[in-house]
C-alpha atoms as a PDB file:
ATOM      1  CA  MET A   1     210.326   3.034 114.334  1.00  0.00           C
ATOM      2  CA  LYS A   2     213.868   2.783 113.098  1.00  0.00           C
ATOM      3  CA  ILE A   3     215.177   0.157 110.711  1.00  0.00           C
ATOM      4  CA  SER A   4     218.531  -1.148 111.946  1.00  0.00           C
ATOM      5  CA  THR A   5     221.530  -2.287 109.937  1.00  0.00           C
ATOM      6  CA  LYS A   6     220.076  -5.812 110.012  1.00  0.00           C
ATOM      7  CA  GLY A   7     217.080  -4.693 107.976  1.00  0.00           C
ATOM      8  CA  ARG A   8     219.009  -2.379 105.675  1.00  0.00           C
ATOM      9  CA  TYR A   9     221.869  -4.794 105.051  1.00  0.00           C
ATOM     10  CA  GLY A  10     219.480  -7.725 104.596  1.00  0.00           C
ATOM     11  CA  LEU A  11     217.825  -5.779 101.800  1.00  0.00           C
ATOM     12  CA  ARG A  12     221.197  -4.862 100.309  1.00  0.00           C
ATOM     13  CA  ILE A  13     222.271  -8.522 100.309  1.00  0.00           C
ATOM     14  CA  LEU A  14     219.091  -9.557  98.504  1.00  0.00           C
ATOM     15  CA  LEU A  15     219.405  -6.709  96.024  1.00  0.00           C
ATOM     16  CA  ASP A  16     223.009  -7.674  95.315  1.00  0.00           C
ATOM     17  CA  LEU A  17     221.909 -11.265  94.652  1.00  0.00           C
ATOM     18  CA  ALA A  18     219.044 -10.069  92.434  1.00  0.00           C
ATOM     19  CA  LEU A  19     221.342  -7.835  90.402  1.00  0.00           C
ATOM     20  CA  HIS A  20     223.613 -10.829  89.799  1.00  0.00           C
ATOM     21  CA  GLU A  21     220.923 -13.494  89.410  1.00  0.00           C
ATOM     22  CA  ASN A  22     221.962 -14.396  85.858  1.00  0.00           C
ATOM     23  CA  SER A  23     225.569 -15.084  86.837  1.00  0.00           C
ATOM     24  CA  SER A  24     227.082 -17.798  88.997  1.00  0.00           C
ATOM     25  CA  PRO A  25     226.150 -17.934  92.694  1.00  0.00           C
ATOM     26  CA  ARG A  26     227.548 -15.043  94.733  1.00  0.00           C
ATOM     27  CA  MET A  27     230.133 -15.758  97.376  1.00  0.00           C
ATOM     28  CA  ILE A  28     229.947 -13.895 100.671  1.00  0.00           C
ATOM     29  CA  ARG A  29     233.309 -12.342  99.869  1.00  0.00           C
ATOM     30  CA  ASP A  30     231.906 -10.839  96.629  1.00  0.00           C
ATOM     31  CA  ILE A  31     228.800  -9.497  98.331  1.00  0.00           C
ATOM     32  CA  ALA A  32     230.919  -8.015 101.129  1.00  0.00           C
ATOM     33  CA  GLU A  33     233.212  -6.316  98.650  1.00  0.00           C
ATOM     34  CA  SER A  34     230.456  -4.851  96.490  1.00  0.00           C
ATOM     35  CA  GLN A  35     228.335  -3.762  99.467  1.00  0.00           C
ATOM     36  CA  ASN A  36     231.138  -2.672 101.772  1.00  0.00           C
ATOM     37  CA  ILE A  37     229.796  -4.863 104.594  1.00  0.00           C
ATOM     38  CA  SER A  38     232.005  -7.200 106.619  1.00  0.00           C
ATOM     39  CA  GLU A  39     231.962 -10.865 105.614  1.00  0.00           C
ATOM     40  CA  LYS A  40     231.350 -11.836 109.217  1.00  0.00           C
ATOM     41  CA  TYR A  41     228.203  -9.700 109.426  1.00  0.00           C
ATOM     42  CA  ILE A  42     226.907 -10.948 106.066  1.00  0.00           C
ATOM     43  CA  SER A  43     227.457 -14.531 107.227  1.00  0.00           C
ATOM     44  CA  ARG A  44     225.203 -13.895 110.231  1.00  0.00           C
ATOM     45  CA  LEU A  45     222.507 -12.112 108.239  1.00  0.00           C
ATOM     46  CA  ILE A  46     222.413 -14.592 105.379  1.00  0.00           C
ATOM     47  CA  ILE A  47     221.499 -17.362 107.839  1.00  0.00           C
ATOM     48  CA  GLU A  48     218.260 -15.520 108.668  1.00  0.00           C
ATOM     49  CA  LEU A  49     217.527 -14.894 104.993  1.00  0.00           C
ATOM     50  CA  ARG A  50     218.107 -18.578 104.231  1.00  0.00           C
ATOM     51  CA  LYS A  51     215.872 -19.718 107.095  1.00  0.00           C
ATOM     52  CA  ALA A  52     213.139 -17.446 105.745  1.00  0.00           C
ATOM     53  CA  GLY A  53     213.410 -19.073 102.319  1.00  0.00           C
ATOM     54  CA  MET A  54     214.666 -15.930 100.590  1.00  0.00           C
ATOM     55  CA  VAL A  55     218.170 -17.200  99.850  1.00  0.00           C
ATOM     56  CA  GLN A  56     219.497 -20.626  98.963  1.00  0.00           C
ATOM     57  CA  SER A  57     223.033 -21.855  99.260  1.00  0.00           C
ATOM     58  CA  VAL A  58     224.764 -23.619  96.395  1.00  0.00           C
ATOM     59  CA  ARG A  59     227.498 -26.067  97.372  1.00  0.00           C
ATOM     60  CA  GLY A  60     230.652 -26.888  95.505  1.00  0.00           C
ATOM     61  CA  ALA A  61     233.657 -25.188  93.977  1.00  0.00           C
ATOM     62  CA  LYS A  62     231.450 -22.685  92.141  1.00  0.00           C
ATOM     63  CA  GLY A  63     229.043 -22.397  95.050  1.00  0.00           C
ATOM     64  CA  GLY A  64     227.714 -19.414  96.896  1.00  0.00           C
ATOM     65  CA  TYR A  65     224.268 -17.891  97.352  1.00  0.00           C
ATOM     66  CA  ARG A  66     221.308 -17.220  95.077  1.00  0.00           C
ATOM     67  CA  LEU A  67     217.855 -15.818  95.551  1.00  0.00           C
ATOM     68  CA  ALA A  68     215.378 -18.547  96.403  1.00  0.00           C
ATOM     69  CA  ARG A  69     212.393 -16.477  95.289  1.00  0.00           C
ATOM     70  CA  ILE A  70     211.525 -14.395  92.256  1.00  0.00           C
ATOM     71  CA  PRO A  71     212.308 -10.710  92.996  1.00  0.00           C
ATOM     72  CA  LYS A  72     208.851  -9.463  92.013  1.00  0.00           C
ATOM     73  CA  TYR A  73     207.339 -11.643  94.772  1.00  0.00           C
ATOM     74  CA  LEU A  74     209.677 -10.420  97.531  1.00  0.00           C
ATOM     75  CA  THR A  75     208.676  -7.135  99.139  1.00  0.00           C
ATOM     76  CA  VAL A  76     210.573  -4.703 101.303  1.00  0.00           C
ATOM     77  CA  LEU A  77     208.051  -5.542 104.036  1.00  0.00           C
ATOM     78  CA  ASP A  78     208.988  -9.246 103.798  1.00  0.00           C
ATOM     79  CA  VAL A  79     212.666  -8.445 104.204  1.00  0.00           C
ATOM     80  CA  VAL A  80     212.268  -5.921 107.009  1.00  0.00           C
ATOM     81  CA  GLU A  81     210.026  -8.228 109.027  1.00  0.00           C
ATOM     82  CA  VAL A  82     212.362 -11.200 108.604  1.00  0.00           C
ATOM     83  CA  MET A  83     215.333  -9.136 109.727  1.00  0.00           C
ATOM     84  CA  GLU A  84     213.657  -6.882 112.327  1.00  0.00           C
ATOM     85  CA  GLY A  85     210.508  -8.686 113.413  1.00  0.00           C
ATOM     86  CA  PRO A  86     206.942  -7.424 113.027  1.00  0.00           C
ATOM     87  CA  ILE A  87     206.617  -3.718 112.378  1.00  0.00           C
ATOM     88  CA  ALA A  88     205.109  -1.901 115.328  1.00  0.00           C
ATOM     89  CA  ILE A  89     205.573   1.819 115.762  1.00  0.00           C
ATOM     90  CA  VAL A  90     204.447   1.485 119.376  1.00  0.00           C
ATOM     91  CA  ASP A  91     204.548  -1.647 121.526  1.00  0.00           C
ATOM     92  CA  CYS A  92     200.862  -1.662 122.488  1.00  0.00           C
ATOM     93  CA  ILE A  93     199.769  -2.422 118.914  1.00  0.00           C
ATOM     94  CA  ASP A  94     201.120  -5.971 118.948  1.00  0.00           C
ATOM     95  CA  SER A  95     200.737  -6.495 122.699  1.00  0.00           C
ATOM     96  CA  PRO A  96     197.187  -5.492 123.623  1.00  0.00           C
ATOM     97  CA  GLY A  97     197.508  -6.439 127.299  1.00  0.00           C
ATOM     98  CA  MET A  98     200.585  -4.277 127.714  1.00  0.00           C
ATOM     99  CA  CYS A  99     198.695  -1.082 128.455  1.00  0.00           C
ATOM    100  CA  LEU A 100     195.902  -0.814 131.011  1.00  0.00           C
ATOM    101  CA  ARG A 101     194.583   2.285 129.247  1.00  0.00           C
ATOM    102  CA  GLN A 102     194.128   0.563 125.923  1.00  0.00           C
ATOM    103  CA  ASP A 103     190.333   0.917 125.843  1.00  0.00           C
ATOM    104  CA  LEU A 104     190.567   4.595 126.801  1.00  0.00           C
ATOM    105  CA  CYS A 105     193.497   5.552 124.586  1.00  0.00           C
ATOM    106  CA  ALA A 106     192.561   8.229 122.080  1.00  0.00           C
ATOM    107  CA  ALA A 107     195.823   7.788 120.162  1.00  0.00           C
ATOM    108  CA  ARG A 108     195.670   3.997 119.777  1.00  0.00           C
ATOM    109  CA  GLU A 109     193.571   4.170 116.600  1.00  0.00           C
ATOM    110  CA  ILE A 110     196.070   6.635 115.094  1.00  0.00           C
ATOM    111  CA  TRP A 111     198.998   4.342 115.913  1.00  0.00           C
ATOM    112  CA  MET A 112     197.184   1.351 114.444  1.00  0.00           C
ATOM    113  CA  ARG A 113     196.318   3.246 111.231  1.00  0.00           C
ATOM    114  CA  LEU A 114     199.856   4.572 110.869  1.00  0.00           C
ATOM    115  CA  ASN A 115     201.295   1.103 111.428  1.00  0.00           C
ATOM    116  CA  ARG A 116     198.912  -0.357 108.841  1.00  0.00           C
ATOM    117  CA  GLU A 117     199.860   2.346 106.291  1.00  0.00           C
ATOM    118  CA  ILE A 118     203.585   1.751 106.823  1.00  0.00           C
ATOM    119  CA  ARG A 119     203.105  -1.984 106.320  1.00  0.00           C
ATOM    120  CA  GLU A 120     201.003  -1.384 103.182  1.00  0.00           C
ATOM    121  CA  SER A 121     203.587   1.012 101.733  1.00  0.00           C
ATOM    122  CA  LEU A 122     206.505  -1.357 102.334  1.00  0.00           C
ATOM    123  CA  GLY A 123     204.420  -4.229 100.964  1.00  0.00           C
ATOM    124  CA  LYS A 124     203.914  -2.387  97.664  1.00  0.00           C
ATOM    125  CA  ILE A 125     207.655  -2.175  96.920  1.00  0.00           C
ATOM    126  CA  SER A 126     209.097  -5.352  95.472  1.00  0.00           C
ATOM    127  CA  LEU A 127     212.714  -6.351  95.224  1.00  0.00           C
ATOM    128  CA  GLN A 128     212.188  -6.208  91.454  1.00  0.00           C
ATOM    129  CA  ASP A 129     211.186  -2.530  91.780  1.00  0.00           C
ATOM    130  CA  LEU A 130     214.513  -1.878  93.498  1.00  0.00           C
ATOM    131  CA  VAL A 131     216.408  -3.856  90.850  1.00  0.00           C
ATOM    132  CA  ASP A 132     214.711  -1.854  88.082  1.00  0.00           C
ATOM    133  CA  SER A 133     215.423   1.424  89.854  1.00  0.00           C
ATOM    134  CA  SER A 134     219.032   0.454  90.424  1.00  0.00           C
ATOM    135  CA  ARG A 135     219.525  -0.443  86.769  1.00  0.00           C
ATOM    136  CA  ARG A 136     217.933   2.829  85.632  1.00  0.00           C
ATOM    137  CA  ASN A 137     220.219   4.810  87.919  1.00  0.00           C
ATOM    138  CA  SER A 138     223.283   2.626  87.491  1.00  0.00           C
ATOM    139  CA  SER A 139     226.766   3.992  87.918  1.00  0.00           C
ATOM    140  CA  ASP A 140     230.055   2.613  89.173  1.00  0.00           C
ATOM    141  CA  PHE A 141     228.861   3.055  92.745  1.00  0.00           C
ATOM    142  CA  ILE A 142     225.437   1.768  93.768  1.00  0.00           C
ATOM    143  CA  ASP A 143     224.024   2.540  97.198  1.00  0.00           C
ATOM    144  CA  TYR A 144     221.031   0.461  98.279  1.00  0.00           C
ATOM    145  CA  CYS A 145     220.083   2.309 101.447  1.00  0.00           C
ATOM    146  CA  ILE A 146     216.421   2.674 102.264  1.00  0.00           C
END
């Protein structure tokens, strides 16, 4: 399993919004500048985050984007699955009919347990945890890679 730029950048966008939640709405240009991500790419990703109810747009001259949910109730698992789709370290976990050897597969239980543990671990980390960590380790340059 590899998390693509969609998943990583989606999390960075949300973290940027959370770090600036007490200020005016963030414009894509500001997020792009602080995160060193192209505006065009952010524009595409923010649509998915908005559809998932994680981000809301604010119209008007002082408009932009804000978090739509409280950071402590948004987990890394939520973000990754919105941006990447369901976590599955092997395809046969989510598609039982895919493999004819499913009932005989000695490794299937291992893959299922590993998948469950990854999901549980990502589900235990909230966006607020990342905000708190970022503020503890703050400097002029903040890198939100996972």
